[in-house]
Amino acid sequence: MGHDHDHTHGGNKKTLLIAFIIITGYMIVEAIGGIITNSLALLSDAGHMLSDSISLLIALIAFALGEKVANNKKTFGYKRFEVLAAALNGVTLILIALFIFYEAIQRFMYPPQVVSNGMLMIAVVGLIINILVAWIMMRGGDTKENLNLRAAFLHVISDMLGSVAAIVAALLIMFFNWGWADPVASVIVAILVLISGLRVTNSAIHILMEGTPSNVDLSEIIKVIENVQGIKSIHDLHVWTITSGQNALSCHAVVDGTLSIKDSEKVLLLIEHELEHKGIGHMTIQMESEENPHNDSILCKTEYDTHSHNHEH
């Protein structure tokens, strides 16, 4: 399981590096093109590409820092850097969207002349570049489970849609002389960027707040543990994400008083095996006997209430 994670981690890093080089190179071209053609759609797309470039760089740094081994001060290592990078990227997307909205309002009020031919050519090349980068990321990296890579991938996807909007705007200006198409395209891009930013930020905050992982069914986890022979009940259950693809669990389990230490070890191994198939890679279970449960502990006042959690969830 650890080997697979390391292999995926390496693939994610390589994918990000290739994507970073391509995106950064074309971002410079598109920014120059946006200035020459006086197109806000192109400039906003170039600004978004700059954020792509920065987000890919942050994601790369996060993966590199995440490889640092655990120590006395950071017992889980530096894996959370990936989640922090995703949060930063999400906030960046939101700020970019707000800036594009502001610029679009200015353009509606004072529409400038746009060189539509140059705008169309640059937007088409931008779309091709974005499709290529998105394909590389989907093929070589884990864009579904790894939040850090997914955040960078969403930057590229929303940028791809931005290129499509710029192409449509350029065609409308060329054939119908609709100058307002440029700021309208920018607003559409801004909405898409804002949605992506809010989603990524929300996911990152959920992890940083130790929320229950989205791929873990808590009621199913409780059922699995309590169905193991020798376990009477569980309480003080916590399930959280260390970093993308690495979920952890801790709980107190009340066991049959007749169980020996050897039997308890077998029970733990069985639970560990069962939970591995439920998305839990790291777990700590404290055993308590029926005769002497830790009822005086603040965290152990009541057994885990599955009904209230499901209702709350």
Protein backbone atom coordinates (compact mmCIF):
# COMPACT_ATOMS: atom_id res chain seq x y z
CA MET A 1 0.00 0.00 0.00
CA GLY A 2 2.86 2.37 0.93
CA HIS A 3 4.76 1.38 -2.22
CA ASP A 4 1.73 2.20 -4.39
CA HIS A 5 1.44 5.58 -2.67
CA ASP A 6 5.13 6.36 -3.33
CA HIS A 7 4.79 5.29 -6.98
CA THR A 8 1.73 7.52 -7.44
CA HIS A 9 3.53 10.34 -5.60
CA GLY A 10 6.46 10.13 -8.06
CA GLY A 11 4.07 10.08 -11.03
CA ASN A 12 2.26 13.16 -9.68
CA LYS A 13 5.54 15.07 -9.31
CA LYS A 14 6.72 14.25 -12.84
CA THR A 15 3.31 15.18 -14.29
CA LEU A 16 3.31 18.50 -12.44
CA LEU A 17 6.81 19.37 -13.66
CA ILE A 18 5.92 18.76 -17.34
CA ALA A 19 2.66 20.71 -16.93
CA PHE A 20 4.48 23.59 -15.21
CA ILE A 21 7.02 23.99 -18.07
CA ILE A 22 4.32 23.95 -20.79
CA ILE A 23 1.88 26.28 -18.98
CA THR A 24 4.54 28.82 -17.97
CA GLY A 25 5.92 29.01 -21.51
CA TYR A 26 2.55 29.63 -23.11
CA MET A 27 1.38 32.00 -20.35
CA ILE A 28 4.12 34.44 -21.42
CA VAL A 29 3.01 34.16 -25.08
CA GLU A 30 -0.68 34.70 -24.19
CA ALA A 31 0.05 37.71 -21.92
CA ILE A 32 1.99 39.43 -24.74
CA GLY A 33 -0.81 38.52 -27.18
CA GLY A 34 -3.45 39.94 -24.83
CA ILE A 35 -1.58 43.26 -24.59
CA ILE A 36 -1.07 43.49 -28.39
CA THR A 37 -4.71 42.61 -29.25
CA ASN A 38 -6.15 44.59 -26.30
CA SER A 39 -8.33 41.58 -25.32
CA LEU A 40 -9.49 41.21 -21.70
CA ALA A 41 -10.59 37.63 -22.44
CA LEU A 42 -6.99 36.80 -23.43
CA LEU A 43 -5.45 38.82 -20.58
CA SER A 44 -7.77 37.21 -18.01
CA ASP A 45 -6.90 33.82 -19.51
CA ALA A 46 -3.19 34.71 -19.29
CA GLY A 47 -3.71 35.84 -15.68
CA HIS A 48 -5.40 32.56 -15.01
CA MET A 49 -2.51 30.75 -16.68
CA LEU A 50 -0.13 32.67 -14.40
CA SER A 51 -2.12 31.34 -11.44
CA ASP A 52 -1.90 27.87 -13.05
CA SER A 53 1.84 28.27 -13.25
CA ILE A 54 2.10 29.42 -9.62
CA SER A 55 -0.30 26.69 -8.46
CA LEU A 56 1.73 24.01 -10.25
CA LEU A 57 4.93 25.36 -8.69
CA ILE A 58 3.33 25.40 -5.21
CA ALA A 59 2.04 21.86 -5.77
CA LEU A 60 5.55 20.73 -6.81
CA ILE A 61 7.09 22.32 -3.70
CA ALA A 62 4.38 20.68 -1.57
CA PHE A 63 5.13 17.23 -3.01
CA ALA A 64 8.87 17.78 -2.40
CA LEU A 65 8.26 18.90 1.20
CA GLY A 66 5.81 16.02 1.69
CA GLU A 67 8.66 13.60 1.04
CA LYS A 68 10.52 14.78 4.15
CA VAL A 69 10.54 12.05 6.78
CA ALA A 70 8.67 12.29 10.07
CA ASN A 71 10.62 13.58 13.07
CA ASN A 72 10.11 14.36 16.77
CA LYS A 73 8.44 17.67 15.96
CA LYS A 74 6.36 16.46 12.98
CA THR A 75 5.34 12.88 13.83
CA PHE A 76 3.14 12.60 10.73
CA GLY A 77 5.85 14.11 8.55
CA TYR A 78 5.14 17.01 6.17
CA LYS A 79 2.33 15.45 4.14
CA ARG A 80 -0.12 18.19 5.11
CA PHE A 81 1.85 20.66 2.95
CA GLU A 82 -0.05 19.17 -0.01
CA VAL A 83 -3.38 20.12 1.58
CA LEU A 84 -2.11 23.60 2.48
CA ALA A 85 -0.99 24.03 -1.15
CA ALA A 86 -4.46 23.00 -2.35
CA ALA A 87 -6.06 25.54 0.03
CA LEU A 88 -3.73 28.28 -1.23
CA ASN A 89 -4.53 27.39 -4.84
CA GLY A 90 -8.26 27.46 -4.10
CA VAL A 91 -8.05 30.93 -2.54
CA THR A 92 -5.92 32.11 -5.49
CA LEU A 93 -8.65 30.96 -7.91
CA ILE A 94 -11.29 32.89 -5.95
CA LEU A 95 -9.20 36.09 -5.95
CA ILE A 96 -8.53 35.77 -9.71
CA ALA A 97 -12.26 35.32 -10.37
CA LEU A 98 -13.09 38.49 -8.38
CA PHE A 99 -10.41 40.46 -10.26
CA ILE A 100 -11.80 39.31 -13.66
CA PHE A 101 -15.33 40.35 -12.55
CA TYR A 102 -14.00 43.81 -11.69
CA GLU A 103 -12.16 44.18 -15.00
CA ALA A 104 -15.20 42.96 -16.97
CA ILE A 105 -17.42 45.61 -15.35
CA GLN A 106 -14.91 48.28 -16.45
CA ARG A 107 -15.00 46.88 -20.01
CA PHE A 108 -18.83 46.95 -20.10
CA MET A 109 -18.72 50.61 -19.11
CA TYR A 110 -15.88 51.58 -21.46
CA PRO A 111 -15.63 48.96 -24.27
CA PRO A 112 -12.22 49.11 -26.02
CA GLN A 113 -11.28 48.08 -29.55
CA VAL A 114 -10.21 44.42 -29.74
CA VAL A 115 -7.99 42.89 -32.48
CA SER A 116 -10.17 39.81 -32.97
CA ASN A 117 -7.93 37.96 -35.51
CA GLY A 118 -4.94 37.87 -33.18
CA MET A 119 -7.21 37.13 -30.22
CA LEU A 120 -8.70 34.11 -32.04
CA MET A 121 -5.32 32.69 -33.07
CA ILE A 122 -3.81 32.98 -29.56
CA ALA A 123 -6.97 31.57 -27.91
CA VAL A 124 -6.96 28.51 -30.24
CA VAL A 125 -3.30 27.75 -29.45
CA GLY A 126 -4.10 28.29 -25.74
CA LEU A 127 -6.92 25.75 -25.96
CA ILE A 128 -4.61 23.18 -27.59
CA ILE A 129 -1.97 23.76 -24.89
CA ASN A 130 -4.54 23.36 -22.10
CA ILE A 131 -5.97 20.17 -23.63
CA LEU A 132 -2.42 18.76 -23.87
CA VAL A 133 -1.61 19.63 -20.24
CA ALA A 134 -4.97 18.27 -18.97
CA TRP A 135 -4.32 15.02 -20.88
CA ILE A 136 -0.80 14.73 -19.42
CA MET A 137 -2.15 15.29 -15.90
CA MET A 138 -5.00 12.79 -16.29
CA ARG A 139 -2.72 10.16 -17.79
CA GLY A 140 0.28 10.55 -15.49
CA GLY A 141 -1.17 11.71 -12.16
CA ASP A 142 -3.87 11.01 -9.59
CA THR A 143 -6.32 13.84 -10.35
CA LYS A 144 -9.20 12.15 -8.49
CA GLU A 145 -7.84 11.26 -5.05
CA ASN A 146 -4.89 13.63 -4.57
CA LEU A 147 -6.30 17.02 -3.55
CA ASN A 148 -3.07 18.87 -4.32
CA LEU A 149 -2.93 17.57 -7.90
CA ARG A 150 -6.70 17.94 -8.32
CA ALA A 151 -6.46 21.63 -7.34
CA ALA A 152 -3.77 22.19 -9.99
CA PHE A 153 -5.80 20.13 -12.52
CA LEU A 154 -8.90 22.26 -11.89
CA HIS A 155 -6.83 25.36 -12.63
CA VAL A 156 -5.97 23.86 -16.03
CA ILE A 157 -9.57 22.74 -16.78
CA SER A 158 -11.07 26.14 -15.96
CA ASP A 159 -8.30 27.70 -18.05
CA MET A 160 -9.27 25.41 -20.92
CA LEU A 161 -12.86 26.66 -20.65
CA GLY A 162 -11.46 30.19 -20.59
CA SER A 163 -9.78 29.55 -23.94
CA VAL A 164 -13.08 28.27 -25.36
CA ALA A 165 -14.83 31.45 -24.13
CA ALA A 166 -12.10 33.61 -25.71
CA ILE A 167 -12.50 31.77 -29.06
CA VAL A 168 -16.29 32.27 -29.04
CA ALA A 169 -15.85 35.95 -28.13
CA ALA A 170 -13.30 36.46 -30.95
CA LEU A 171 -15.67 34.88 -33.51
CA LEU A 172 -18.60 37.05 -32.35
CA ILE A 173 -16.46 40.19 -32.65
CA MET A 174 -15.18 39.13 -36.11
CA PHE A 175 -18.56 38.25 -37.66
CA PHE A 176 -21.03 40.46 -35.77
CA ASN A 177 -18.80 43.20 -34.34
CA TRP A 178 -20.19 42.46 -30.87
CA GLY A 179 -17.56 44.15 -28.71
CA TRP A 180 -19.41 43.19 -25.53
CA ALA A 181 -18.62 39.49 -26.23
CA ASP A 182 -15.10 40.00 -24.81
CA PRO A 183 -16.18 41.04 -21.26
CA VAL A 184 -19.07 38.52 -21.35
CA ALA A 185 -16.57 35.74 -22.09
CA SER A 186 -14.47 37.02 -19.18
CA VAL A 187 -17.47 36.87 -16.81
CA ILE A 188 -18.20 33.26 -17.86
CA VAL A 189 -14.55 32.36 -17.19
CA ALA A 190 -14.70 34.14 -13.81
CA ILE A 191 -17.79 32.15 -12.78
CA LEU A 192 -16.10 28.84 -13.69
CA VAL A 193 -12.89 29.86 -11.91
CA LEU A 194 -14.87 30.90 -8.81
CA ILE A 195 -16.73 27.56 -8.65
CA SER A 196 -13.45 25.61 -8.95
CA GLY A 197 -11.82 27.78 -6.28
CA LEU A 198 -14.68 27.37 -3.82
CA ARG A 199 -14.75 23.58 -4.28
CA VAL A 200 -11.01 23.11 -3.77
CA THR A 201 -10.89 25.50 -0.80
CA ASN A 202 -13.86 23.75 0.81
CA SER A 203 -12.22 20.31 0.39
CA ALA A 204 -8.90 21.55 1.81
CA ILE A 205 -10.57 23.26 4.80
CA HIS A 206 -12.55 20.06 5.47
CA ILE A 207 -9.27 18.11 5.73
CA LEU A 208 -7.56 20.79 7.83
CA MET A 209 -10.58 20.77 10.19
CA GLU A 210 -10.11 16.98 10.61
CA GLY A 211 -13.44 16.30 8.87
CA THR A 212 -14.55 12.76 8.03
CA PRO A 213 -13.02 11.79 4.63
CA SER A 214 -15.53 11.91 1.77
CA ASN A 215 -14.61 8.35 0.68
CA VAL A 216 -15.30 6.91 4.16
CA ASP A 217 -18.75 5.76 5.30
CA LEU A 218 -18.61 6.19 9.09
CA SER A 219 -21.66 4.03 9.82
CA GLU A 220 -20.07 1.25 7.71
CA ILE A 221 -16.80 1.59 9.70
CA ILE A 222 -18.70 1.27 13.00
CA LYS A 223 -20.57 -1.77 11.70
CA VAL A 224 -17.33 -3.45 10.55
CA ILE A 225 -15.61 -2.97 13.93
CA GLU A 226 -18.61 -3.95 16.06
CA ASN A 227 -19.24 -7.07 13.94
CA VAL A 228 -15.80 -8.45 14.83
CA GLN A 229 -16.15 -11.24 17.38
CA GLY A 230 -15.02 -10.08 20.81
CA ILE A 231 -15.91 -6.39 20.30
CA LYS A 232 -18.90 -5.29 22.38
CA SER A 233 -19.04 -1.60 21.41
CA ILE A 234 -16.87 1.36 20.39
CA HIS A 235 -16.73 5.02 21.43
CA ASP A 236 -14.55 8.12 21.03
CA LEU A 237 -14.30 7.34 17.31
CA HIS A 238 -12.37 9.75 15.08
CA VAL A 239 -11.66 9.37 11.35
CA TRP A 240 -9.64 12.02 9.53
CA THR A 241 -7.33 12.59 6.56
CA ILE A 242 -3.59 13.07 7.05
CA THR A 243 -3.16 13.97 3.37
CA SER A 244 -4.88 12.95 0.13
CA GLY A 245 -5.23 9.16 0.00
CA GLN A 246 -4.08 8.65 3.61
CA ASN A 247 -6.91 8.28 6.12
CA ALA A 248 -6.45 7.59 9.83
CA LEU A 249 -8.73 6.28 12.59
CA SER A 250 -8.65 6.17 16.37
CA CYS A 251 -11.24 4.82 18.80
CA HIS A 252 -11.81 3.04 22.10
CA ALA A 253 -13.23 -0.48 21.84
CA VAL A 254 -14.97 -2.29 24.71
CA VAL A 255 -14.01 -5.97 24.41
CA ASP A 256 -15.23 -9.21 25.91
CA GLY A 257 -13.61 -9.58 29.35
CA THR A 258 -12.69 -13.20 28.65
CA LEU A 259 -10.34 -12.28 25.77
CA SER A 260 -6.65 -12.97 26.37
CA ILE A 261 -3.88 -10.61 25.17
CA LYS A 262 -3.19 -13.01 22.29
CA ASP A 263 -6.87 -13.03 21.30
CA SER A 264 -6.98 -9.22 21.51
CA GLU A 265 -4.04 -9.02 19.10
CA LYS A 266 -5.89 -11.31 16.67
CA VAL A 267 -8.98 -9.09 16.96
CA LEU A 268 -6.87 -6.00 16.18
CA LEU A 269 -5.29 -7.66 13.13
CA LEU A 270 -8.72 -8.68 11.87
CA ILE A 271 -10.08 -5.13 12.29
CA GLU A 272 -7.00 -3.71 10.56
CA HIS A 273 -7.49 -6.07 7.62
CA GLU A 274 -11.20 -5.21 7.33
CA LEU A 275 -10.66 -1.44 7.57
CA GLU A 276 -7.95 -1.45 4.89
CA HIS A 277 -10.72 -2.26 2.41
CA LYS A 278 -12.75 0.68 3.76
CA GLY A 279 -10.14 3.33 2.99
CA ILE A 280 -8.37 3.41 6.38
CA GLY A 281 -4.57 3.17 6.14
CA HIS A 282 -3.56 4.05 9.70
CA MET A 283 -5.43 3.20 12.88
CA THR A 284 -5.07 3.23 16.66
CA ILE A 285 -7.55 1.27 18.77
CA GLN A 286 -7.49 1.36 22.56
CA MET A 287 -8.95 -1.78 24.12
CA GLU A 288 -11.13 -1.52 27.25
CA SER A 289 -12.64 -4.42 29.19
CA GLU A 290 -16.35 -4.52 30.08
CA GLU A 291 -15.45 -4.65 33.76
CA ASN A 292 -13.16 -1.63 33.67
CA PRO A 293 -14.08 0.84 30.90
CA HIS A 294 -12.54 4.34 30.97
CA ASN A 295 -15.78 6.01 31.96
CA ASP A 296 -14.07 8.73 33.97
CA SER A 297 -12.29 10.08 30.90
CA ILE A 298 -13.71 13.31 29.44
CA LEU A 299 -13.73 11.80 25.94
CA CYS A 300 -15.30 8.54 27.06
CA LYS A 301 -18.45 9.80 28.80
CA THR A 302 -20.76 8.25 26.24
CA GLU A 303 -20.54 5.59 23.57
CA TYR A 304 -20.32 6.80 19.99
CA ASP A 305 -23.80 7.76 18.87
CA THR A 306 -24.07 6.56 15.27
CA HIS A 307 -27.62 7.86 14.87
CA SER A 308 -26.80 11.44 15.83
CA HIS A 309 -23.73 11.46 13.58
CA ASN A 310 -25.68 10.26 10.56
CA HIS A 311 -28.33 12.87 11.23
CA GLU A 312 -25.70 15.57 11.58
CA HIS A 313 -23.83 14.39 8.48
